């Protein structure tokens, strides 16, 4: 299994994917890991249902890069003086933005052990935020299936909810939305003006045209009566977590980060 990390550090920093001409025109970039485009598994052309959860304790993930050790958000919320209920609302709102944009559905998992996307605080703090993506390198599909993604935030940084012009504190919703983009198969585009841009800015708090175009390129447009398929339909199990589908042929992909603006 291989892994790759995508992070948010004083701006946004991620692994860069190759861009097709259409993507450049629309200001988005598809994530490529070892030359492979990746996305959540689709069954019989139905849209995927991807579960997410906050980690409930200290966890280690073999093969991950920046999110190899993750802890709960308790320390992060306490040091930033944020209510845990408000943090959960911001995370849910970030997922809702992507769900409204394209043919992919997100559901909060009742058990973190079964979640497709796990979110937590870095056990070894650095940068601002990162995403690790694991995918099935042995798949015969042209676009390889993502098997699990990790999103981790630096608990040593000060976080906030909303914009106030202070770029030394990052907005949770903006940051999580950026990392979700990596977690579903998008990279940093070449230009600015999108949530997926590699630098943190406070000009907009919603997905922009390029963000939406990238999600639609991977998952199609969202329809009112879209057929959904649970991502757990992917065969296989994790050696460390039999409840989640990580096969022995999975590649622990790459890493992406959000970068801070220079002072």
C-alpha atoms as a PDB file:
ATOM      1  CA  UNK A   1       0.000   0.000   0.000  1.00  0.00           C
ATOM      2  CA  UNK A   2       1.298   3.469  -0.866  1.00  0.00           C
ATOM      3  CA  UNK A   3       0.179   6.843   0.316  1.00  0.00           C
ATOM      4  CA  UNK A   4       0.239  10.429  -0.757  1.00  0.00           C
ATOM      5  CA  UNK A   5      -0.439  13.540   1.220  1.00  0.00           C
ATOM      6  CA  UNK A   6      -2.071  16.786   0.325  1.00  0.00           C
ATOM      7  CA  UNK A   7      -1.752  19.614   2.746  1.00  0.00           C
ATOM      8  CA  UNK A   8      -2.789  23.068   3.717  1.00  0.00           C
ATOM      9  CA  UNK A   9       0.072  25.187   4.981  1.00  0.00           C
ATOM     10  CA  UNK A  10      -0.204  28.943   5.145  1.00  0.00           C
ATOM     11  CA  UNK A  11      -1.906  28.798   1.824  1.00  0.00           C
ATOM     12  CA  UNK A  12      -2.644  25.491   0.155  1.00  0.00           C
ATOM     13  CA  UNK A  13      -0.015  22.982  -0.805  1.00  0.00           C
ATOM     14  CA  UNK A  14      -0.780  19.642  -2.418  1.00  0.00           C
ATOM     15  CA  UNK A  15       0.641  17.083  -4.796  1.00  0.00           C
ATOM     16  CA  UNK A  16       0.118  18.368  -8.300  1.00  0.00           C
ATOM     17  CA  UNK A  17      -1.730  16.405 -10.917  1.00  0.00           C
ATOM     18  CA  UNK A  18      -1.337  16.669 -14.637  1.00  0.00           C
ATOM     19  CA  UNK A  19      -3.879  18.974 -16.195  1.00  0.00           C
ATOM     20  CA  UNK A  20      -5.868  18.487 -19.337  1.00  0.00           C
ATOM     21  CA  UNK A  21      -6.657  21.481 -21.505  1.00  0.00           C
ATOM     22  CA  UNK A  22     -10.312  21.468 -20.462  1.00  0.00           C
ATOM     23  CA  UNK A  23      -9.268  21.513 -16.821  1.00  0.00           C
ATOM     24  CA  UNK A  24      -6.971  24.469 -17.346  1.00  0.00           C
ATOM     25  CA  UNK A  25      -9.732  26.399 -19.033  1.00  0.00           C
ATOM     26  CA  UNK A  26     -12.110  25.680 -16.158  1.00  0.00           C
ATOM     27  CA  UNK A  27      -9.430  26.328 -13.497  1.00  0.00           C
ATOM     28  CA  UNK A  28      -9.307  22.900 -11.914  1.00  0.00           C
ATOM     29  CA  UNK A  29      -6.793  20.092 -11.783  1.00  0.00           C
ATOM     30  CA  UNK A  30      -7.443  16.376 -11.371  1.00  0.00           C
ATOM     31  CA  UNK A  31      -5.238  14.700  -8.782  1.00  0.00           C
ATOM     32  CA  UNK A  32      -2.813  12.164 -10.246  1.00  0.00           C
ATOM     33  CA  UNK A  33      -0.987   9.671  -8.070  1.00  0.00           C
ATOM     34  CA  UNK A  34       1.858   7.845  -9.754  1.00  0.00           C
ATOM     35  CA  UNK A  35       0.258   8.871 -13.034  1.00  0.00           C
ATOM     36  CA  UNK A  36      -3.197   7.622 -12.025  1.00  0.00           C
ATOM     37  CA  UNK A  37      -6.317   9.726 -11.723  1.00  0.00           C
ATOM     38  CA  UNK A  38      -8.402   8.649  -8.707  1.00  0.00           C
ATOM     39  CA  UNK A  39     -11.960   8.994  -7.477  1.00  0.00           C
ATOM     40  CA  UNK A  40     -14.404   7.253  -5.175  1.00  0.00           C
ATOM     41  CA  UNK A  41     -15.774   3.985  -6.527  1.00  0.00           C
ATOM     42  CA  UNK A  42     -18.848   4.014  -8.741  1.00  0.00           C
ATOM     43  CA  UNK A  43     -20.993   0.879  -9.036  1.00  0.00           C
ATOM     44  CA  UNK A  44     -22.849   0.437 -12.336  1.00  0.00           C
ATOM     45  CA  UNK A  45     -22.509   4.159 -13.052  1.00  0.00           C
ATOM     46  CA  UNK A  46     -24.320   5.086  -9.839  1.00  0.00           C
ATOM     47  CA  UNK A  47     -22.981   7.947  -7.755  1.00  0.00           C
ATOM     48  CA  UNK A  48     -20.839   6.991  -4.755  1.00  0.00           C
ATOM     49  CA  UNK A  49     -21.861   7.451  -1.136  1.00  0.00           C
ATOM     50  CA  UNK A  50     -18.802   8.306   0.947  1.00  0.00           C
ATOM     51  CA  UNK A  51     -18.854   8.184   4.743  1.00  0.00           C
ATOM     52  CA  UNK A  52     -16.818  10.413   7.022  1.00  0.00           C
ATOM     53  CA  UNK A  53     -16.089  10.659  10.734  1.00  0.00           C
ATOM     54  CA  UNK A  54     -13.905  12.374  13.286  1.00  0.00           C
ATOM     55  CA  UNK A  55     -11.366  10.046  14.877  1.00  0.00           C
ATOM     56  CA  UNK A  56     -12.375   8.974  18.377  1.00  0.00           C
ATOM     57  CA  UNK A  57      -8.898   8.339  19.771  1.00  0.00           C
ATOM     58  CA  UNK A  58      -5.224   8.206  18.909  1.00  0.00           C
ATOM     59  CA  UNK A  59      -4.750   6.378  15.597  1.00  0.00           C
ATOM     60  CA  UNK A  60      -1.750   5.459  13.457  1.00  0.00           C
ATOM     61  CA  UNK A  61      -1.954   4.770   9.728  1.00  0.00           C
ATOM     62  CA  UNK A  62       0.812   2.771   8.136  1.00  0.00           C
ATOM     63  CA  UNK A  63       1.959   4.250   4.846  1.00  0.00           C
ATOM     64  CA  UNK A  64       0.406   7.666   5.415  1.00  0.00           C
ATOM     65  CA  UNK A  65       2.688  10.669   5.232  1.00  0.00           C
ATOM     66  CA  UNK A  66       1.474  13.755   7.067  1.00  0.00           C
ATOM     67  CA  UNK A  67      -1.544  12.108   8.690  1.00  0.00           C
ATOM     68  CA  UNK A  68       0.270   9.010   9.895  1.00  0.00           C
ATOM     69  CA  UNK A  69      -0.671   9.820  13.509  1.00  0.00           C
ATOM     70  CA  UNK A  70      -4.053  11.367  14.258  1.00  0.00           C
ATOM     71  CA  UNK A  71      -5.813  12.342  17.470  1.00  0.00           C
ATOM     72  CA  UNK A  72      -9.191  13.770  18.408  1.00  0.00           C
ATOM     73  CA  UNK A  73     -10.026  17.449  17.989  1.00  0.00           C
ATOM     74  CA  UNK A  74     -10.265  17.939  21.772  1.00  0.00           C
ATOM     75  CA  UNK A  75      -6.960  19.783  22.072  1.00  0.00           C
ATOM     76  CA  UNK A  76      -7.553  21.812  18.905  1.00  0.00           C
ATOM     77  CA  UNK A  77     -11.009  22.989  19.935  1.00  0.00           C
ATOM     78  CA  UNK A  78      -9.834  23.817  23.445  1.00  0.00           C
ATOM     79  CA  UNK A  79      -6.775  25.834  22.403  1.00  0.00           C
ATOM     80  CA  UNK A  80      -8.772  27.715  19.726  1.00  0.00           C
ATOM     81  CA  UNK A  81     -11.746  28.239  22.070  1.00  0.00           C
ATOM     82  CA  UNK A  82     -14.184  26.552  19.680  1.00  0.00           C
ATOM     83  CA  UNK A  83     -17.253  24.561  20.655  1.00  0.00           C
ATOM     84  CA  UNK A  84     -17.100  20.975  19.429  1.00  0.00           C
ATOM     85  CA  UNK A  85     -20.705  21.157  18.215  1.00  0.00           C
ATOM     86  CA  UNK A  86     -19.847  24.203  16.110  1.00  0.00           C
ATOM     87  CA  UNK A  87     -16.818  22.413  14.642  1.00  0.00           C
ATOM     88  CA  UNK A  88     -18.999  19.455  13.620  1.00  0.00           C
ATOM     89  CA  UNK A  89     -21.432  21.853  11.965  1.00  0.00           C
ATOM     90  CA  UNK A  90     -18.617  23.462   9.964  1.00  0.00           C
ATOM     91  CA  UNK A  91     -17.335  20.067   8.826  1.00  0.00           C
ATOM     92  CA  UNK A  92     -20.843  19.010   7.766  1.00  0.00           C
ATOM     93  CA  UNK A  93     -21.262  22.293   5.875  1.00  0.00           C
ATOM     94  CA  UNK A  94     -17.979  21.719   4.033  1.00  0.00           C
ATOM     95  CA  UNK A  95     -19.108  18.264   2.873  1.00  0.00           C
ATOM     96  CA  UNK A  96     -22.514  19.662   1.909  1.00  0.00           C
ATOM     97  CA  UNK A  97     -20.867  22.129  -0.479  1.00  0.00           C
ATOM     98  CA  UNK A  98     -19.241  19.339  -2.472  1.00  0.00           C
ATOM     99  CA  UNK A  99     -22.359  17.168  -2.375  1.00  0.00           C
ATOM    100  CA  UNK A 100     -24.424  19.995  -3.838  1.00  0.00           C
ATOM    101  CA  UNK A 101     -21.885  20.481  -6.630  1.00  0.00           C
ATOM    102  CA  UNK A 102     -21.657  16.995  -8.171  1.00  0.00           C
ATOM    103  CA  UNK A 103     -22.832  13.377  -8.183  1.00  0.00           C
ATOM    104  CA  UNK A 104     -21.332  12.305  -4.877  1.00  0.00           C
ATOM    105  CA  UNK A 105     -23.065  11.927  -1.515  1.00  0.00           C
ATOM    106  CA  UNK A 106     -21.562  12.158   1.968  1.00  0.00           C
ATOM    107  CA  UNK A 107     -22.856  10.639   5.184  1.00  0.00           C
ATOM    108  CA  UNK A 108     -21.435  10.856   8.688  1.00  0.00           C
ATOM    109  CA  UNK A 109     -20.491   7.376   9.912  1.00  0.00           C
ATOM    110  CA  UNK A 110     -21.661   6.246  13.336  1.00  0.00           C
ATOM    111  CA  UNK A 111     -18.452   4.219  13.762  1.00  0.00           C
ATOM    112  CA  UNK A 112     -15.114   5.835  12.837  1.00  0.00           C
ATOM    113  CA  UNK A 113     -13.696   2.378  12.077  1.00  0.00           C
ATOM    114  CA  UNK A 114     -15.956   2.102   9.030  1.00  0.00           C
ATOM    115  CA  UNK A 115     -15.564   5.671   7.723  1.00  0.00           C
ATOM    116  CA  UNK A 116     -14.153   6.283   4.246  1.00  0.00           C
ATOM    117  CA  UNK A 117     -12.755   9.704   5.199  1.00  0.00           C
ATOM    118  CA  UNK A 118     -11.290  10.189   8.670  1.00  0.00           C
ATOM    119  CA  UNK A 119     -10.706  13.652  10.115  1.00  0.00           C
ATOM    120  CA  UNK A 120      -8.566  14.513  13.109  1.00  0.00           C
ATOM    121  CA  UNK A 121      -5.705  16.476  14.609  1.00  0.00           C
ATOM    122  CA  UNK A 122      -2.124  15.756  13.615  1.00  0.00           C
ATOM    123  CA  UNK A 123      -0.236  13.620  16.104  1.00  0.00           C
ATOM    124  CA  UNK A 124       2.995  15.176  14.819  1.00  0.00           C
ATOM    125  CA  UNK A 125       2.044  18.819  14.166  1.00  0.00           C
ATOM    126  CA  UNK A 126       3.421  20.614  11.101  1.00  0.00           C
ATOM    127  CA  UNK A 127       2.106  23.013   8.494  1.00  0.00           C
ATOM    128  CA  UNK A 128      -1.629  23.720   8.703  1.00  0.00           C
ATOM    129  CA  UNK A 129      -3.661  20.890   7.154  1.00  0.00           C
ATOM    130  CA  UNK A 130      -3.042  17.818   5.019  1.00  0.00           C
ATOM    131  CA  UNK A 131      -4.873  15.044   3.199  1.00  0.00           C
ATOM    132  CA  UNK A 132      -3.601  11.522   2.562  1.00  0.00           C
ATOM    133  CA  UNK A 133      -5.321   9.440  -0.114  1.00  0.00           C
ATOM    134  CA  UNK A 134      -5.164   5.651  -0.523  1.00  0.00           C
ATOM    135  CA  UNK A 135      -6.217   4.061  -3.808  1.00  0.00           C
ATOM    136  CA  UNK A 136      -6.373   0.639  -5.457  1.00  0.00           C
ATOM    137  CA  UNK A 137      -3.402   0.483  -7.806  1.00  0.00           C
ATOM    138  CA  UNK A 138      -4.369  -2.996  -9.002  1.00  0.00           C
ATOM    139  CA  UNK A 139      -7.770  -1.917 -10.286  1.00  0.00           C
ATOM    140  CA  UNK A 140      -8.368  -2.306 -14.005  1.00  0.00           C
ATOM    141  CA  UNK A 141     -10.495   0.845 -14.070  1.00  0.00           C
ATOM    142  CA  UNK A 142      -9.106   3.790 -16.011  1.00  0.00           C
ATOM    143  CA  UNK A 143      -9.674   6.030 -12.988  1.00  0.00           C
ATOM    144  CA  UNK A 144      -8.489   4.107  -9.941  1.00  0.00           C
ATOM    145  CA  UNK A 145     -10.829   3.783  -6.957  1.00  0.00           C
ATOM    146  CA  UNK A 146     -10.011   5.675  -3.784  1.00  0.00           C
ATOM    147  CA  UNK A 147     -10.168   3.353  -0.786  1.00  0.00           C
ATOM    148  CA  UNK A 148      -9.668   5.772   2.089  1.00  0.00           C
ATOM    149  CA  UNK A 149      -8.696   9.391   2.699  1.00  0.00           C
ATOM    150  CA  UNK A 150      -7.328  11.063   5.816  1.00  0.00           C
ATOM    151  CA  UNK A 151      -7.645  14.757   6.677  1.00  0.00           C
ATOM    152  CA  UNK A 152      -5.538  16.130   9.521  1.00  0.00           C
ATOM    153  CA  UNK A 153      -5.232  19.632  10.976  1.00  0.00           C
ATOM    154  CA  UNK A 154      -2.406  21.064  13.058  1.00  0.00           C
ATOM    155  CA  UNK A 155      -3.656  21.392  16.679  1.00  0.00           C
ATOM    156  CA  UNK A 156      -0.806  23.791  17.516  1.00  0.00           C
ATOM    157  CA  UNK A 157      -2.292  26.438  15.195  1.00  0.00           C
ATOM    158  CA  UNK A 158      -5.137  28.760  16.132  1.00  0.00           C
ATOM    159  CA  UNK A 159      -8.342  28.053  14.203  1.00  0.00           C
ATOM    160  CA  UNK A 160     -11.523  30.078  13.763  1.00  0.00           C
ATOM    161  CA  UNK A 161     -15.001  29.936  12.284  1.00  0.00           C
ATOM    162  CA  UNK A 162     -15.648  32.603   9.666  1.00  0.00           C
ATOM    163  CA  UNK A 163     -13.529  35.297   8.034  1.00  0.00           C
ATOM    164  CA  UNK A 164     -12.146  38.316   9.867  1.00  0.00           C
ATOM    165  CA  UNK A 165      -9.193  39.324   7.699  1.00  0.00           C
ATOM    166  CA  UNK A 166      -6.618  37.688  10.005  1.00  0.00           C
ATOM    167  CA  UNK A 167      -4.691  35.309   7.732  1.00  0.00           C
ATOM    168  CA  UNK A 168      -2.680  33.948  10.650  1.00  0.00           C
ATOM    169  CA  UNK A 169      -5.778  32.027  11.758  1.00  0.00           C
ATOM    170  CA  UNK A 170      -7.523  29.726   9.325  1.00  0.00           C
ATOM    171  CA  UNK A 171     -11.264  29.303   8.886  1.00  0.00           C
ATOM    172  CA  UNK A 172     -12.269  25.700   9.565  1.00  0.00           C
ATOM    173  CA  UNK A 173     -14.934  25.417   6.878  1.00  0.00           C
ATOM    174  CA  UNK A 174     -12.679  26.781   4.131  1.00  0.00           C
ATOM    175  CA  UNK A 175      -9.788  24.548   5.207  1.00  0.00           C
ATOM    176  CA  UNK A 176     -11.857  21.372   5.511  1.00  0.00           C
ATOM    177  CA  UNK A 177     -13.565  22.066   2.169  1.00  0.00           C
ATOM    178  CA  UNK A 178     -10.147  22.406   0.537  1.00  0.00           C
ATOM    179  CA  UNK A 179      -8.921  19.122   2.001  1.00  0.00           C
ATOM    180  CA  UNK A 180     -12.152  17.329   1.049  1.00  0.00           C
ATOM    181  CA  UNK A 181     -11.402  18.361  -2.531  1.00  0.00           C
ATOM    182  CA  UNK A 182      -8.125  16.476  -2.322  1.00  0.00           C
ATOM    183  CA  UNK A 183      -9.833  13.564  -0.556  1.00  0.00           C
ATOM    184  CA  UNK A 184     -12.198  13.091  -3.521  1.00  0.00           C
ATOM    185  CA  UNK A 185      -9.568  13.404  -6.264  1.00  0.00           C
ATOM    186  CA  UNK A 186      -8.799  17.078  -6.964  1.00  0.00           C
ATOM    187  CA  UNK A 187      -5.454  18.853  -6.872  1.00  0.00           C
ATOM    188  CA  UNK A 188      -4.340  22.479  -6.701  1.00  0.00           C
ATOM    189  CA  UNK A 189      -5.152  24.257  -9.974  1.00  0.00           C
ATOM    190  CA  UNK A 190      -2.646  26.485 -11.727  1.00  0.00           C
ATOM    191  CA  UNK A 191      -4.576  29.682 -11.060  1.00  0.00           C
ATOM    192  CA  UNK A 192      -6.162  31.390  -8.065  1.00  0.00           C
ATOM    193  CA  UNK A 193      -9.800  32.131  -7.349  1.00  0.00           C
ATOM    194  CA  UNK A 194     -10.910  28.694  -6.118  1.00  0.00           C
ATOM    195  CA  UNK A 195     -11.258  26.847  -2.812  1.00  0.00           C
ATOM    196  CA  UNK A 196      -8.726  24.364  -4.243  1.00  0.00           C
ATOM    197  CA  UNK A 197      -6.129  27.083  -4.755  1.00  0.00           C
ATOM    198  CA  UNK A 198      -2.949  26.276  -2.863  1.00  0.00           C
ATOM    199  CA  UNK A 199      -2.905  29.447  -0.745  1.00  0.00           C
ATOM    200  CA  UNK A 200      -5.273  30.373   2.047  1.00  0.00           C
ATOM    201  CA  UNK A 201      -7.238  33.532   1.322  1.00  0.00           C
ATOM    202  CA  UNK A 202     -10.451  35.085   2.627  1.00  0.00           C
ATOM    203  CA  UNK A 203     -12.240  36.219  -0.535  1.00  0.00           C
ATOM    204  CA  UNK A 204     -14.977  33.560  -0.704  1.00  0.00           C
ATOM    205  CA  UNK A 205     -16.281  30.794   1.517  1.00  0.00           C
ATOM    206  CA  UNK A 206     -18.123  28.767  -1.118  1.00  0.00           C
ATOM    207  CA  UNK A 207     -17.016  26.557  -3.987  1.00  0.00           C
ATOM    208  CA  UNK A 208     -16.114  28.543  -7.081  1.00  0.00           C
ATOM    209  CA  UNK A 209     -16.672  27.721 -10.760  1.00  0.00           C
ATOM    210  CA  UNK A 210     -13.389  25.818 -11.073  1.00  0.00           C
ATOM    211  CA  UNK A 211     -14.040  23.764  -7.940  1.00  0.00           C
ATOM    212  CA  UNK A 212     -17.470  22.739  -9.207  1.00  0.00           C
ATOM    213  CA  UNK A 213     -16.164  21.950 -12.688  1.00  0.00           C
ATOM    214  CA  UNK A 214     -13.508  19.675 -11.211  1.00  0.00           C
ATOM    215  CA  UNK A 215     -16.015  17.772  -9.078  1.00  0.00           C
ATOM    216  CA  UNK A 216     -18.362  17.363 -12.046  1.00  0.00           C
ATOM    217  CA  UNK A 217     -15.477  16.121 -14.214  1.00  0.00           C
ATOM    218  CA  UNK A 218     -14.925  13.285 -11.714  1.00  0.00           C
ATOM    219  CA  UNK A 219     -18.471  12.490 -10.577  1.00  0.00           C
ATOM    220  CA  UNK A 220     -20.838  14.030 -13.089  1.00  0.00           C
ATOM    221  CA  UNK A 221     -23.502  16.631 -12.442  1.00  0.00           C
ATOM    222  CA  UNK A 222     -25.833  16.057  -9.537  1.00  0.00           C
ATOM    223  CA  UNK A 223     -29.342  15.056 -10.574  1.00  0.00           C
ATOM    224  CA  UNK A 224     -32.537  15.209  -8.487  1.00  0.00           C
ATOM    225  CA  UNK A 225     -33.025  11.448  -8.651  1.00  0.00           C
ATOM    226  CA  UNK A 226     -29.436  10.228  -8.767  1.00  0.00           C
ATOM    227  CA  UNK A 227     -28.853   6.568  -7.967  1.00  0.00           C
ATOM    228  CA  UNK A 228     -26.323   6.164  -5.184  1.00  0.00           C
ATOM    229  CA  UNK A 229     -24.002   3.299  -4.272  1.00  0.00           C
ATOM    230  CA  UNK A 230     -22.208   2.875  -0.967  1.00  0.00           C
ATOM    231  CA  UNK A 231     -18.428   3.055  -1.354  1.00  0.00           C
ATOM    232  CA  UNK A 232     -18.163   0.050   0.948  1.00  0.00           C
ATOM    233  CA  UNK A 233     -19.103  -2.051  -2.080  1.00  0.00           C
ATOM    234  CA  UNK A 234     -15.402  -2.055  -2.962  1.00  0.00           C
ATOM    235  CA  UNK A 235     -14.041  -5.499  -2.125  1.00  0.00           C
ATOM    236  CA  UNK A 236     -11.249  -6.046   0.353  1.00  0.00           C
ATOM    237  CA  UNK A 237     -10.422  -5.245   3.968  1.00  0.00           C
ATOM    238  CA  UNK A 238      -7.714  -3.406   5.804  1.00  0.00           C
ATOM    239  CA  UNK A 239      -5.176  -5.519   7.620  1.00  0.00           C
ATOM    240  CA  UNK A 240      -5.455  -3.140  10.593  1.00  0.00           C
ATOM    241  CA  UNK A 241      -9.187  -2.504  10.201  1.00  0.00           C
ATOM    242  CA  UNK A 242     -11.249  -5.393   8.815  1.00  0.00           C
ATOM    243  CA  UNK A 243     -14.301  -3.159   8.767  1.00  0.00           C
ATOM    244  CA  UNK A 244     -12.961  -0.879   6.058  1.00  0.00           C
ATOM    245  CA  UNK A 245     -12.113  -1.793   2.432  1.00  0.00           C
ATOM    246  CA  UNK A 246      -8.365  -1.348   1.998  1.00  0.00           C
ATOM    247  CA  UNK A 247      -6.985  -4.130  -0.162  1.00  0.00           C
ATOM    248  CA  UNK A 248      -3.446  -5.453  -0.123  1.00  0.00           C
ATOM    249  CA  UNK A 249      -2.941  -3.901  -3.545  1.00  0.00           C
ATOM    250  CA  UNK A 250      -3.894  -0.433  -2.347  1.00  0.00           C
ATOM    251  CA  UNK A 251      -1.444   2.369  -2.859  1.00  0.00           C
ATOM    252  CA  UNK A 252      -1.072   4.821  -0.028  1.00  0.00           C
ATOM    253  CA  UNK A 253      -1.089   7.762  -2.299  1.00  0.00           C
ATOM    254  CA  UNK A 254       0.195  11.211  -1.932  1.00  0.00           C
ATOM    255  CA  UNK A 255       0.039  14.213   0.264  1.00  0.00           C
ATOM    256  CA  UNK A 256      -1.466  17.632  -0.280  1.00  0.00           C
ATOM    257  CA  UNK A 257      -1.235  20.732   1.885  1.00  0.00           C
ATOM    258  CA  UNK A 258      -2.592  24.240   2.190  1.00  0.00           C
ATOM    259  CA  UNK A 259       0.084  26.929   2.299  1.00  0.00           C
ATOM    260  CA  UNK A 260       0.137  30.164   4.187  1.00  0.00           C
ATOM    261  CA  UNK A 261       0.506  33.492   2.481  1.00  0.00           C
ATOM    262  CA  UNK A 262       3.965  35.008   2.911  1.00  0.00           C
ATOM    263  CA  UNK A 263       4.153  37.783   5.454  1.00  0.00           C
END
